[in-house]
Amino acid sequence: APEKISPHVLRHAFATHLLEGGTDLRVLQ
């Protein structure tokens, strides 16, 4: 669905999936 997609949603996905994988919060910052 196109309404689910935006540049910021992909940025959120990048951050969420890294955190799920165990990335440290400071590194993510």
mmCIF file of all heavy atoms, coordinates in Angstrom:
data_MODEL
# 
_entry.id   MODEL 
# 
loop_
_atom_site.group_PDB 
_atom_site.id 
_atom_site.type_symbol 
_atom_site.label_atom_id 
_atom_site.label_alt_id 
_atom_site.label_comp_id 
_atom_site.label_asym_id 
_atom_site.label_entity_id 
_atom_site.label_seq_id 
_atom_site.pdbx_PDB_ins_code 
_atom_site.Cartn_x 
_atom_site.Cartn_y 
_atom_site.Cartn_z 
_atom_site.occupancy 
_atom_site.B_iso_or_equiv 
_atom_site.pdbx_formal_charge 
_atom_site.auth_seq_id 
_atom_site.auth_comp_id 
_atom_site.auth_asym_id 
_atom_site.auth_atom_id 
_atom_site.pdbx_PDB_model_num 
ATOM 1   N N   . ALA A 1 1  ? 0.842  -1.196 0.000  1.00 0.00 ? 1  ALA A N   1 
ATOM 2   C CA  . ALA A 1 1  ? 0.000  0.000  0.000  1.00 0.00 ? 1  ALA A CA  1 
ATOM 3   C C   . ALA A 1 1  ? 0.880  1.250  0.000  1.00 0.00 ? 1  ALA A C   1 
ATOM 4   O O   . ALA A 1 1  ? 1.734  1.401  0.880  1.00 0.00 ? 1  ALA A O   1 
ATOM 5   C CB  . ALA A 1 1  ? -0.909 0.001  1.226  1.00 0.00 ? 1  ALA A CB  1 
ATOM 6   N N   . PRO A 1 2  ? 0.729  2.142  -0.974 1.00 0.00 ? 2  PRO A N   1 
ATOM 7   C CA  . PRO A 1 2  ? 1.618  3.298  -1.079 1.00 0.00 ? 2  PRO A CA  1 
ATOM 8   C C   . PRO A 1 2  ? 1.580  4.226  0.132  1.00 0.00 ? 2  PRO A C   1 
ATOM 9   O O   . PRO A 1 2  ? 2.574  4.883  0.440  1.00 0.00 ? 2  PRO A O   1 
ATOM 10  C CB  . PRO A 1 2  ? 1.126  4.013  -2.350 1.00 0.00 ? 2  PRO A CB  1 
ATOM 11  C CG  . PRO A 1 2  ? -0.256 3.513  -2.576 1.00 0.00 ? 2  PRO A CG  1 
ATOM 12  C CD  . PRO A 1 2  ? -0.265 2.108  -2.062 1.00 0.00 ? 2  PRO A CD  1 
ATOM 13  N N   . GLU A 1 3  ? 0.425  4.245  0.830  1.00 0.00 ? 3  GLU A N   1 
ATOM 14  C CA  . GLU A 1 3  ? 0.343  5.129  2.004  1.00 0.00 ? 3  GLU A CA  1 
ATOM 15  C C   . GLU A 1 3  ? 1.237  4.644  3.150  1.00 0.00 ? 3  GLU A C   1 
ATOM 16  O O   . GLU A 1 3  ? 1.490  5.388  4.107  1.00 0.00 ? 3  GLU A O   1 
ATOM 17  C CB  . GLU A 1 3  ? -1.103 5.267  2.482  1.00 0.00 ? 3  GLU A CB  1 
ATOM 18  C CG  . GLU A 1 3  ? -1.777 3.973  2.904  1.00 0.00 ? 3  GLU A CG  1 
ATOM 19  C CD  . GLU A 1 3  ? -2.490 3.267  1.772  1.00 0.00 ? 3  GLU A CD  1 
ATOM 20  O OE1 . GLU A 1 3  ? -2.220 3.590  0.590  1.00 0.00 ? 3  GLU A OE1 1 
ATOM 21  O OE2 . GLU A 1 3  ? -3.322 2.387  2.068  1.00 0.00 ? 3  GLU A OE2 1 
ATOM 22  N N   . LYS A 1 4  ? 1.722  3.418  3.065  1.00 0.00 ? 4  LYS A N   1 
ATOM 23  C CA  . LYS A 1 4  ? 2.597  2.889  4.115  1.00 0.00 ? 4  LYS A CA  1 
ATOM 24  C C   . LYS A 1 4  ? 4.048  3.301  3.914  1.00 0.00 ? 4  LYS A C   1 
ATOM 25  O O   . LYS A 1 4  ? 4.876  3.109  4.804  1.00 0.00 ? 4  LYS A O   1 
ATOM 26  C CB  . LYS A 1 4  ? 2.524  1.354  4.148  1.00 0.00 ? 4  LYS A CB  1 
ATOM 27  C CG  . LYS A 1 4  ? 1.173  0.782  4.516  1.00 0.00 ? 4  LYS A CG  1 
ATOM 28  C CD  . LYS A 1 4  ? 1.228  -0.727 4.684  1.00 0.00 ? 4  LYS A CD  1 
ATOM 29  C CE  . LYS A 1 4  ? 2.057  -1.123 5.897  1.00 0.00 ? 4  LYS A CE  1 
ATOM 30  N NZ  . LYS A 1 4  ? 2.016  -2.587 6.133  1.00 0.00 ? 4  LYS A NZ  1 
ATOM 31  N N   . ILE A 1 5  ? 4.360  3.845  2.742  1.00 0.00 ? 5  ILE A N   1 
ATOM 32  C CA  . ILE A 1 5  ? 5.747  4.110  2.373  1.00 0.00 ? 5  ILE A CA  1 
ATOM 33  C C   . ILE A 1 5  ? 6.052  5.601  2.348  1.00 0.00 ? 5  ILE A C   1 
ATOM 34  O O   . ILE A 1 5  ? 5.273  6.393  1.840  1.00 0.00 ? 5  ILE A O   1 
ATOM 35  C CB  . ILE A 1 5  ? 6.063  3.529  0.976  1.00 0.00 ? 5  ILE A CB  1 
ATOM 36  C CG1 . ILE A 1 5  ? 5.779  2.034  0.946  1.00 0.00 ? 5  ILE A CG1 1 
ATOM 37  C CG2 . ILE A 1 5  ? 7.510  3.808  0.585  1.00 0.00 ? 5  ILE A CG2 1 
ATOM 38  C CD1 . ILE A 1 5  ? 6.728  1.201  1.750  1.00 0.00 ? 5  ILE A CD1 1 
ATOM 39  N N   . SER A 1 6  ? 7.187  5.964  2.913  1.00 0.00 ? 6  SER A N   1 
ATOM 40  C CA  . SER A 1 6  ? 7.741  7.311  2.805  1.00 0.00 ? 6  SER A CA  1 
ATOM 41  C C   . SER A 1 6  ? 9.216  7.217  3.165  1.00 0.00 ? 6  SER A C   1 
ATOM 42  O O   . SER A 1 6  ? 9.650  6.218  3.755  1.00 0.00 ? 6  SER A O   1 
ATOM 43  C CB  . SER A 1 6  ? 7.016  8.287  3.740  1.00 0.00 ? 6  SER A CB  1 
ATOM 44  O OG  . SER A 1 6  ? 7.425  8.072  5.081  1.00 0.00 ? 6  SER A OG  1 
ATOM 45  N N   . PRO A 1 7  ? 10.020 8.228  2.840  1.00 0.00 ? 7  PRO A N   1 
ATOM 46  C CA  . PRO A 1 7  ? 11.427 8.201  3.252  1.00 0.00 ? 7  PRO A CA  1 
ATOM 47  C C   . PRO A 1 7  ? 11.586 8.043  4.757  1.00 0.00 ? 7  PRO A C   1 
ATOM 48  O O   . PRO A 1 7  ? 12.470 7.317  5.228  1.00 0.00 ? 7  PRO A O   1 
ATOM 49  C CB  . PRO A 1 7  ? 11.954 9.551  2.766  1.00 0.00 ? 7  PRO A CB  1 
ATOM 50  C CG  . PRO A 1 7  ? 11.088 9.896  1.601  1.00 0.00 ? 7  PRO A CG  1 
ATOM 51  C CD  . PRO A 1 7  ? 9.731  9.389  1.979  1.00 0.00 ? 7  PRO A CD  1 
ATOM 52  N N   . HIS A 1 8  ? 10.713 8.691  5.518  1.00 0.00 ? 8  HIS A N   1 
ATOM 53  C CA  . HIS A 1 8  ? 10.847 8.628  6.973  1.00 0.00 ? 8  HIS A CA  1 
ATOM 54  C C   . HIS A 1 8  ? 10.456 7.253  7.509  1.00 0.00 ? 8  HIS A C   1 
ATOM 55  O O   . HIS A 1 8  ? 11.017 6.787  8.504  1.00 0.00 ? 8  HIS A O   1 
ATOM 56  C CB  . HIS A 1 8  ? 10.000 9.723  7.631  1.00 0.00 ? 8  HIS A CB  1 
ATOM 57  C CG  . HIS A 1 8  ? 10.658 10.306 8.844  1.00 0.00 ? 8  HIS A CG  1 
ATOM 58  N ND1 . HIS A 1 8  ? 11.890 10.923 8.809  1.00 0.00 ? 8  HIS A ND1 1 
ATOM 59  C CD2 . HIS A 1 8  ? 10.258 10.352 10.145 1.00 0.00 ? 8  HIS A CD2 1 
ATOM 60  C CE1 . HIS A 1 8  ? 12.217 11.322 10.023 1.00 0.00 ? 8  HIS A CE1 1 
ATOM 61  N NE2 . HIS A 1 8  ? 11.254 10.992 10.854 1.00 0.00 ? 8  HIS A NE2 1 
ATOM 62  N N   . VAL A 1 9  ? 9.500  6.598  6.864  1.00 0.00 ? 9  VAL A N   1 
ATOM 63  C CA  . VAL A 1 9  ? 9.126  5.240  7.279  1.00 0.00 ? 9  VAL A CA  1 
ATOM 64  C C   . VAL A 1 9  ? 10.307 4.291  7.075  1.00 0.00 ? 9  VAL A C   1 
ATOM 65  O O   . VAL A 1 9  ? 10.572 3.421  7.913  1.00 0.00 ? 9  VAL A O   1 
ATOM 66  C CB  . VAL A 1 9  ? 7.888  4.765  6.490  1.00 0.00 ? 9  VAL A CB  1 
ATOM 67  C CG1 . VAL A 1 9  ? 7.689  3.264  6.665  1.00 0.00 ? 9  VAL A CG1 1 
ATOM 68  C CG2 . VAL A 1 9  ? 6.635  5.502  6.972  1.00 0.00 ? 9  VAL A CG2 1 
ATOM 69  N N   . LEU A 1 10 ? 11.040 4.467  5.977  1.00 0.00 ? 10 LEU A N   1 
ATOM 70  C CA  . LEU A 1 10 ? 12.214 3.627  5.741  1.00 0.00 ? 10 LEU A CA  1 
ATOM 71  C C   . LEU A 1 10 ? 13.315 3.916  6.764  1.00 0.00 ? 10 LEU A C   1 
ATOM 72  O O   . LEU A 1 10 ? 14.032 3.013  7.195  1.00 0.00 ? 10 LEU A O   1 
ATOM 73  C CB  . LEU A 1 10 ? 12.732 3.836  4.321  1.00 0.00 ? 10 LEU A CB  1 
ATOM 74  C CG  . LEU A 1 10 ? 11.860 3.208  3.224  1.00 0.00 ? 10 LEU A CG  1 
ATOM 75  C CD1 . LEU A 1 10 ? 12.252 3.735  1.852  1.00 0.00 ? 10 LEU A CD1 1 
ATOM 76  C CD2 . LEU A 1 10 ? 11.950 1.695  3.260  1.00 0.00 ? 10 LEU A CD2 1 
ATOM 77  N N   . ARG A 1 11 ? 13.445 5.167  7.155  1.00 0.00 ? 11 ARG A N   1 
ATOM 78  C CA  . ARG A 1 11 ? 14.406 5.529  8.208  1.00 0.00 ? 11 ARG A CA  1 
ATOM 79  C C   . ARG A 1 11 ? 14.002 4.868  9.531  1.00 0.00 ? 11 ARG A C   1 
ATOM 80  O O   . ARG A 1 11 ? 14.837 4.362  10.277 1.00 0.00 ? 11 ARG A O   1 
ATOM 81  C CB  . ARG A 1 11 ? 14.461 7.053  8.341  1.00 0.00 ? 11 ARG A CB  1 
ATOM 82  C CG  . ARG A 1 11 ? 15.345 7.599  9.469  1.00 0.00 ? 11 ARG A CG  1 
ATOM 83  C CD  . ARG A 1 11 ? 15.421 9.111  9.319  1.00 0.00 ? 11 ARG A CD  1 
ATOM 84  N NE  . ARG A 1 11 ? 15.757 9.807  10.549 1.00 0.00 ? 11 ARG A NE  1 
ATOM 85  C CZ  . ARG A 1 11 ? 17.005 10.046 10.963 1.00 0.00 ? 11 ARG A CZ  1 
ATOM 86  N NH1 . ARG A 1 11 ? 18.022 9.605  10.258 1.00 0.00 ? 11 ARG A NH1 1 
ATOM 87  N NH2 . ARG A 1 11 ? 17.215 10.721 12.086 1.00 0.00 ? 11 ARG A NH2 1 
ATOM 88  N N   . HIS A 1 12 ? 12.695 4.886  9.815  1.00 0.00 ? 12 HIS A N   1 
ATOM 89  C CA  . HIS A 1 12 ? 12.200 4.222  11.028 1.00 0.00 ? 12 HIS A CA  1 
ATOM 90  C C   . HIS A 1 12 ? 12.458 2.723  10.971 1.00 0.00 ? 12 HIS A C   1 
ATOM 91  O O   . HIS A 1 12 ? 12.820 2.104  11.977 1.00 0.00 ? 12 HIS A O   1 
ATOM 92  C CB  . HIS A 1 12 ? 10.697 4.474  11.202 1.00 0.00 ? 12 HIS A CB  1 
ATOM 93  C CG  . HIS A 1 12 ? 10.360 5.867  11.624 1.00 0.00 ? 12 HIS A CG  1 
ATOM 94  N ND1 . HIS A 1 12 ? 11.096 6.567  12.551 1.00 0.00 ? 12 HIS A ND1 1 
ATOM 95  C CD2 . HIS A 1 12 ? 9.340  6.692  11.262 1.00 0.00 ? 12 HIS A CD2 1 
ATOM 96  C CE1 . HIS A 1 12 ? 10.560 7.762  12.725 1.00 0.00 ? 12 HIS A CE1 1 
ATOM 97  N NE2 . HIS A 1 12 ? 9.498  7.856  11.958 1.00 0.00 ? 12 HIS A NE2 1 
ATOM 98  N N   . ALA A 1 13 ? 12.256 2.132  9.786  1.00 0.00 ? 13 ALA A N   1 
ATOM 99  C CA  . ALA A 1 13 ? 12.498 0.696  9.640  1.00 0.00 ? 13 ALA A CA  1 
ATOM 100 C C   . ALA A 1 13 ? 13.970 0.371  9.871  1.00 0.00 ? 13 ALA A C   1 
ATOM 101 O O   . ALA A 1 13 ? 14.308 -0.618 10.531 1.00 0.00 ? 13 ALA A O   1 
ATOM 102 C CB  . ALA A 1 13 ? 12.060 0.234  8.250  1.00 0.00 ? 13 ALA A CB  1 
ATOM 103 N N   . PHE A 1 14 ? 14.848 1.203  9.347  1.00 0.00 ? 14 PHE A N   1 
ATOM 104 C CA  . PHE A 1 14 ? 16.294 1.049  9.562  1.00 0.00 ? 14 PHE A CA  1 
ATOM 105 C C   . PHE A 1 14 ? 16.601 1.009  11.061 1.00 0.00 ? 14 PHE A C   1 
ATOM 106 O O   . PHE A 1 14 ? 17.293 0.108  11.556 1.00 0.00 ? 14 PHE A O   1 
ATOM 107 C CB  . PHE A 1 14 ? 17.010 2.231  8.891  1.00 0.00 ? 14 PHE A CB  1 
ATOM 108 C CG  . PHE A 1 14 ? 18.419 2.490  9.362  1.00 0.00 ? 14 PHE A CG  1 
ATOM 109 C CD1 . PHE A 1 14 ? 19.475 1.754  8.855  1.00 0.00 ? 14 PHE A CD1 1 
ATOM 110 C CD2 . PHE A 1 14 ? 18.678 3.494  10.291 1.00 0.00 ? 14 PHE A CD2 1 
ATOM 111 C CE1 . PHE A 1 14 ? 20.787 2.010  9.272  1.00 0.00 ? 14 PHE A CE1 1 
ATOM 112 C CE2 . PHE A 1 14 ? 19.972 3.747  10.715 1.00 0.00 ? 14 PHE A CE2 1 
ATOM 113 C CZ  . PHE A 1 14 ? 21.033 3.004  10.201 1.00 0.00 ? 14 PHE A CZ  1 
ATOM 114 N N   . ALA A 1 15 ? 16.058 1.964  11.810 1.00 0.00 ? 15 ALA A N   1 
ATOM 115 C CA  . ALA A 1 15 ? 16.341 2.056  13.239 1.00 0.00 ? 15 ALA A CA  1 
ATOM 116 C C   . ALA A 1 15 ? 15.704 0.902  14.013 1.00 0.00 ? 15 ALA A C   1 
ATOM 117 O O   . ALA A 1 15 ? 16.340 0.288  14.879 1.00 0.00 ? 15 ALA A O   1 
ATOM 118 C CB  . ALA A 1 15 ? 15.823 3.395  13.775 1.00 0.00 ? 15 ALA A CB  1 
ATOM 119 N N   . THR A 1 16 ? 14.450 0.595  13.696 1.00 0.00 ? 16 THR A N   1 
ATOM 120 C CA  . THR A 1 16 ? 13.733 -0.459 14.416 1.00 0.00 ? 16 THR A CA  1 
ATOM 121 C C   . THR A 1 16 ? 14.383 -1.813 14.207 1.00 0.00 ? 16 THR A C   1 
ATOM 122 O O   . THR A 1 16 ? 14.582 -2.577 15.159 1.00 0.00 ? 16 THR A O   1 
ATOM 123 C CB  . THR A 1 16 ? 12.261 -0.508 13.950 1.00 0.00 ? 16 THR A CB  1 
ATOM 124 O OG1 . THR A 1 16 ? 11.659 0.771  14.138 1.00 0.00 ? 16 THR A OG1 1 
ATOM 125 C CG2 . THR A 1 16 ? 11.482 -1.542 14.736 1.00 0.00 ? 16 THR A CG2 1 
ATOM 126 N N   . HIS A 1 17 ? 14.750 -2.122 12.986 1.00 0.00 ? 17 HIS A N   1 
ATOM 127 C CA  . HIS A 1 17 ? 15.330 -3.427 12.691 1.00 0.00 ? 17 HIS A CA  1 
ATOM 128 C C   . HIS A 1 17 ? 16.743 -3.565 13.256 1.00 0.00 ? 17 HIS A C   1 
ATOM 129 O O   . HIS A 1 17 ? 17.140 -4.659 13.669 1.00 0.00 ? 17 HIS A O   1 
ATOM 130 C CB  . HIS A 1 17 ? 15.311 -3.676 11.183 1.00 0.00 ? 17 HIS A CB  1 
ATOM 131 C CG  . HIS A 1 17 ? 13.931 -3.749 10.612 1.00 0.00 ? 17 HIS A CG  1 
ATOM 132 N ND1 . HIS A 1 17 ? 13.653 -3.711 9.261  1.00 0.00 ? 17 HIS A ND1 1 
ATOM 133 C CD2 . HIS A 1 17 ? 12.717 -3.861 11.240 1.00 0.00 ? 17 HIS A CD2 1 
ATOM 134 C CE1 . HIS A 1 17 ? 12.348 -3.794 9.075  1.00 0.00 ? 17 HIS A CE1 1 
ATOM 135 N NE2 . HIS A 1 17 ? 11.759 -3.874 10.271 1.00 0.00 ? 17 HIS A NE2 1 
ATOM 136 N N   . LEU A 1 18 ? 17.489 -2.457 13.318 1.00 0.00 ? 18 LEU A N   1 
ATOM 137 C CA  . LEU A 1 18 ? 18.801 -2.503 13.968 1.00 0.00 ? 18 LEU A CA  1 
ATOM 138 C C   . LEU A 1 18 ? 18.650 -2.774 15.462 1.00 0.00 ? 18 LEU A C   1 
ATOM 139 O O   . LEU A 1 18 ? 19.402 -3.560 16.046 1.00 0.00 ? 18 LEU A O   1 
ATOM 140 C CB  . LEU A 1 18 ? 19.552 -1.187 13.757 1.00 0.00 ? 18 LEU A CB  1 
ATOM 141 C CG  . LEU A 1 18 ? 20.328 -1.017 12.449 1.00 0.00 ? 18 LEU A CG  1 
ATOM 142 C CD1 . LEU A 1 18 ? 20.985 0.353  12.409 1.00 0.00 ? 18 LEU A CD1 1 
ATOM 143 C CD2 . LEU A 1 18 ? 21.376 -2.104 12.283 1.00 0.00 ? 18 LEU A CD2 1 
ATOM 144 N N   . LEU A 1 19 ? 17.676 -2.116 16.080 1.00 0.00 ? 19 LEU A N   1 
ATOM 145 C CA  . LEU A 1 19 ? 17.459 -2.297 17.515 1.00 0.00 ? 19 LEU A CA  1 
ATOM 146 C C   . LEU A 1 19 ? 17.012 -3.728 17.803 1.00 0.00 ? 19 LEU A C   1 
ATOM 147 O O   . LEU A 1 19 ? 17.448 -4.342 18.784 1.00 0.00 ? 19 LEU A O   1 
ATOM 148 C CB  . LEU A 1 19 ? 16.411 -1.299 18.012 1.00 0.00 ? 19 LEU A CB  1 
ATOM 149 C CG  . LEU A 1 19 ? 16.313 -1.116 19.531 1.00 0.00 ? 19 LEU A CG  1 
ATOM 150 C CD1 . LEU A 1 19 ? 17.620 -0.571 20.089 1.00 0.00 ? 19 LEU A CD1 1 
ATOM 151 C CD2 . LEU A 1 19 ? 15.168 -0.183 19.892 1.00 0.00 ? 19 LEU A CD2 1 
ATOM 152 N N   . GLU A 1 20 ? 16.162 -4.270 16.950 1.00 0.00 ? 20 GLU A N   1 
ATOM 153 C CA  . GLU A 1 20 ? 15.739 -5.668 17.095 1.00 0.00 ? 20 GLU A CA  1 
ATOM 154 C C   . GLU A 1 20 ? 16.936 -6.616 17.017 1.00 0.00 ? 20 GLU A C   1 
ATOM 155 O O   . GLU A 1 20 ? 16.963 -7.659 17.667 1.00 0.00 ? 20 GLU A O   1 
ATOM 156 C CB  . GLU A 1 20 ? 14.734 -6.034 16.001 1.00 0.00 ? 20 GLU A CB  1 
ATOM 157 C CG  . GLU A 1 20 ? 13.370 -5.387 16.161 1.00 0.00 ? 20 GLU A CG  1 
ATOM 158 C CD  . GLU A 1 20 ? 12.461 -5.685 14.979 1.00 0.00 ? 20 GLU A CD  1 
ATOM 159 O OE1 . GLU A 1 20 ? 12.878 -6.431 14.065 1.00 0.00 ? 20 GLU A OE1 1 
ATOM 160 O OE2 . GLU A 1 20 ? 11.338 -5.162 14.969 1.00 0.00 ? 20 GLU A OE2 1 
ATOM 161 N N   . GLY A 1 21 ? 17.918 -6.227 16.221 1.00 0.00 ? 21 GLY A N   1 
ATOM 162 C CA  . GLY A 1 21 ? 19.100 -7.061 16.053 1.00 0.00 ? 21 GLY A CA  1 
ATOM 163 C C   . GLY A 1 21 ? 20.130 -6.908 17.155 1.00 0.00 ? 21 GLY A C   1 
ATOM 164 O O   . GLY A 1 21 ? 21.184 -7.536 17.102 1.00 0.00 ? 21 GLY A O   1 
ATOM 165 N N   . GLY A 1 22 ? 19.843 -6.045 18.141 1.00 0.00 ? 22 GLY A N   1 
ATOM 166 C CA  . GLY A 1 22 ? 20.730 -5.914 19.290 1.00 0.00 ? 22 GLY A CA  1 
ATOM 167 C C   . GLY A 1 22 ? 21.650 -4.715 19.262 1.00 0.00 ? 22 GLY A C   1 
ATOM 168 O O   . GLY A 1 22 ? 22.579 -4.620 20.077 1.00 0.00 ? 22 GLY A O   1 
ATOM 169 N N   . THR A 1 23 ? 21.426 -3.767 18.351 1.00 0.00 ? 23 THR A N   1 
ATOM 170 C CA  . THR A 1 23 ? 22.276 -2.580 18.286 1.00 0.00 ? 23 THR A CA  1 
ATOM 171 C C   . THR A 1 23 ? 22.130 -1.732 19.545 1.00 0.00 ? 23 THR A C   1 
ATOM 172 O O   . THR A 1 23 ? 21.025 -1.530 20.053 1.00 0.00 ? 23 THR A O   1 
ATOM 173 C CB  . THR A 1 23 ? 21.909 -1.724 17.050 1.00 0.00 ? 23 THR A CB  1 
ATOM 174 O OG1 . THR A 1 23 ? 22.091 -2.508 15.885 1.00 0.00 ? 23 THR A OG1 1 
ATOM 175 C CG2 . THR A 1 23 ? 22.766 -0.473 16.968 1.00 0.00 ? 23 THR A CG2 1 
ATOM 176 N N   . ASP A 1 24 ? 23.249 -1.229 20.054 1.00 0.00 ? 24 ASP A N   1 
ATOM 177 C CA  . ASP A 1 24 ? 23.254 -0.366 21.228 1.00 0.00 ? 24 ASP A CA  1 
ATOM 178 C C   . ASP A 1 24 ? 22.549 0.956  20.908 1.00 0.00 ? 24 ASP A C   1 
ATOM 179 O O   . ASP A 1 24 ? 22.680 1.507  19.816 1.00 0.00 ? 24 ASP A O   1 
ATOM 180 C CB  . ASP A 1 24 ? 24.706 -0.094 21.659 1.00 0.00 ? 24 ASP A CB  1 
ATOM 181 C CG  . ASP A 1 24 ? 24.774 0.801  22.884 1.00 0.00 ? 24 ASP A CG  1 
ATOM 182 O OD1 . ASP A 1 24 ? 24.639 0.288  23.999 1.00 0.00 ? 24 ASP A OD1 1 
ATOM 183 O OD2 . ASP A 1 24 ? 24.959 2.018  22.697 1.00 0.00 ? 24 ASP A OD2 1 
ATOM 184 N N   . LEU A 1 25 ? 21.797 1.480  21.889 1.00 0.00 ? 25 LEU A N   1 
ATOM 185 C CA  . LEU A 1 25 ? 21.021 2.698  21.678 1.00 0.00 ? 25 LEU A CA  1 
ATOM 186 C C   . LEU A 1 25 ? 21.912 3.894  21.359 1.00 0.00 ? 25 LEU A C   1 
ATOM 187 O O   . LEU A 1 25 ? 21.551 4.759  20.552 1.00 0.00 ? 25 LEU A O   1 
ATOM 188 C CB  . LEU A 1 25 ? 20.161 2.992  22.917 1.00 0.00 ? 25 LEU A CB  1 
ATOM 189 C CG  . LEU A 1 25 ? 18.928 3.888  22.687 1.00 0.00 ? 25 LEU A CG  1 
ATOM 190 C CD1 . LEU A 1 25 ? 17.981 3.256  21.688 1.00 0.00 ? 25 LEU A CD1 1 
ATOM 191 C CD2 . LEU A 1 25 ? 18.218 4.139  24.012 1.00 0.00 ? 25 LEU A CD2 1 
ATOM 192 N N   . ARG A 1 26 ? 23.079 3.967  21.988 1.00 0.00 ? 26 ARG A N   1 
ATOM 193 C CA  . ARG A 1 26 ? 24.006 5.073  21.724 1.00 0.00 ? 26 ARG A CA  1 
ATOM 194 C C   . ARG A 1 26 ? 24.546 5.010  20.298 1.00 0.00 ? 26 ARG A C   1 
ATOM 195 O O   . ARG A 1 26 ? 24.740 6.031  19.644 1.00 0.00 ? 26 ARG A O   1 
ATOM 196 C CB  . ARG A 1 26 ? 25.166 5.037  22.720 1.00 0.00 ? 26 ARG A CB  1 
ATOM 197 C CG  . ARG A 1 26 ? 24.798 5.499  24.118 1.00 0.00 ? 26 ARG A CG  1 
ATOM 198 C CD  . ARG A 1 26 ? 24.534 6.984  24.161 1.00 0.00 ? 26 ARG A CD  1 
ATOM 199 N NE  . ARG A 1 26 ? 24.226 7.433  25.524 1.00 0.00 ? 26 ARG A NE  1 
ATOM 200 C CZ  . ARG A 1 26 ? 23.868 8.680  25.829 1.00 0.00 ? 26 ARG A CZ  1 
ATOM 201 N NH1 . ARG A 1 26 ? 23.762 9.580  24.869 1.00 0.00 ? 26 ARG A NH1 1 
ATOM 202 N NH2 . ARG A 1 26 ? 23.595 9.011  27.080 1.00 0.00 ? 26 ARG A NH2 1 
ATOM 203 N N   . VAL A 1 27 ? 24.803 3.804  19.823 1.00 0.00 ? 27 VAL A N   1 
ATOM 204 C CA  . VAL A 1 27 ? 25.259 3.640  18.446 1.00 0.00 ? 27 VAL A CA  1 
ATOM 205 C C   . VAL A 1 27 ? 24.160 4.078  17.489 1.00 0.00 ? 27 VAL A C   1 
ATOM 206 O O   . VAL A 1 27 ? 24.412 4.780  16.499 1.00 0.00 ? 27 VAL A O   1 
ATOM 207 C CB  . VAL A 1 27 ? 25.648 2.168  18.178 1.00 0.00 ? 27 VAL A CB  1 
ATOM 208 C CG1 . VAL A 1 27 ? 25.944 1.951  16.697 1.00 0.00 ? 27 VAL A CG1 1 
ATOM 209 C CG2 . VAL A 1 27 ? 26.852 1.774  19.018 1.00 0.00 ? 27 VAL A CG2 1 
ATOM 210 N N   . LEU A 1 28 ? 22.925 3.687  17.795 1.00 0.00 ? 28 LEU A N   1 
ATOM 211 C CA  . LEU A 1 28 ? 21.791 4.063  16.959 1.00 0.00 ? 28 LEU A CA  1 
ATOM 212 C C   . LEU A 1 28 ? 21.615 5.584  16.943 1.00 0.00 ? 28 LEU A C   1 
ATOM 213 O O   . LEU A 1 28 ? 21.326 6.170  15.891 1.00 0.00 ? 28 LEU A O   1 
ATOM 214 C CB  . LEU A 1 28 ? 20.519 3.385  17.473 1.00 0.00 ? 28 LEU A CB  1 
ATOM 215 C CG  . LEU A 1 28 ? 19.276 3.499  16.582 1.00 0.00 ? 28 LEU A CG  1 
ATOM 216 C CD1 . LEU A 1 28 ? 19.546 2.928  15.201 1.00 0.00 ? 28 LEU A CD1 1 
ATOM 217 C CD2 . LEU A 1 28 ? 18.094 2.780  17.235 1.00 0.00 ? 28 LEU A CD2 1 
ATOM 218 N N   . GLN A 1 29 ? 21.818 6.228  18.072 1.00 0.00 ? 29 GLN A N   1 
ATOM 219 C CA  . GLN A 1 29 ? 21.726 7.686  18.146 1.00 0.00 ? 29 GLN A CA  1 
ATOM 220 C C   . GLN A 1 29 ? 22.722 8.328  17.186 1.00 0.00 ? 29 GLN A C   1 
ATOM 221 O O   . GLN A 1 29 ? 22.399 9.280  16.464 1.00 0.00 ? 29 GLN A O   1 
ATOM 222 C CB  . GLN A 1 29 ? 22.009 8.157  19.577 1.00 0.00 ? 29 GLN A CB  1 
ATOM 223 C CG  . GLN A 1 29 ? 21.995 9.682  19.723 1.00 0.00 ? 29 GLN A CG  1 
ATOM 224 C CD  . GLN A 1 29 ? 22.510 10.141 21.086 1.00 0.00 ? 29 GLN A CD  1 
ATOM 225 O OE1 . GLN A 1 29 ? 22.973 9.327  21.898 1.00 0.00 ? 29 GLN A OE1 1 
ATOM 226 N NE2 . GLN A 1 29 ? 22.440 11.442 21.353 1.00 0.00 ? 29 GLN A NE2 1 
# 
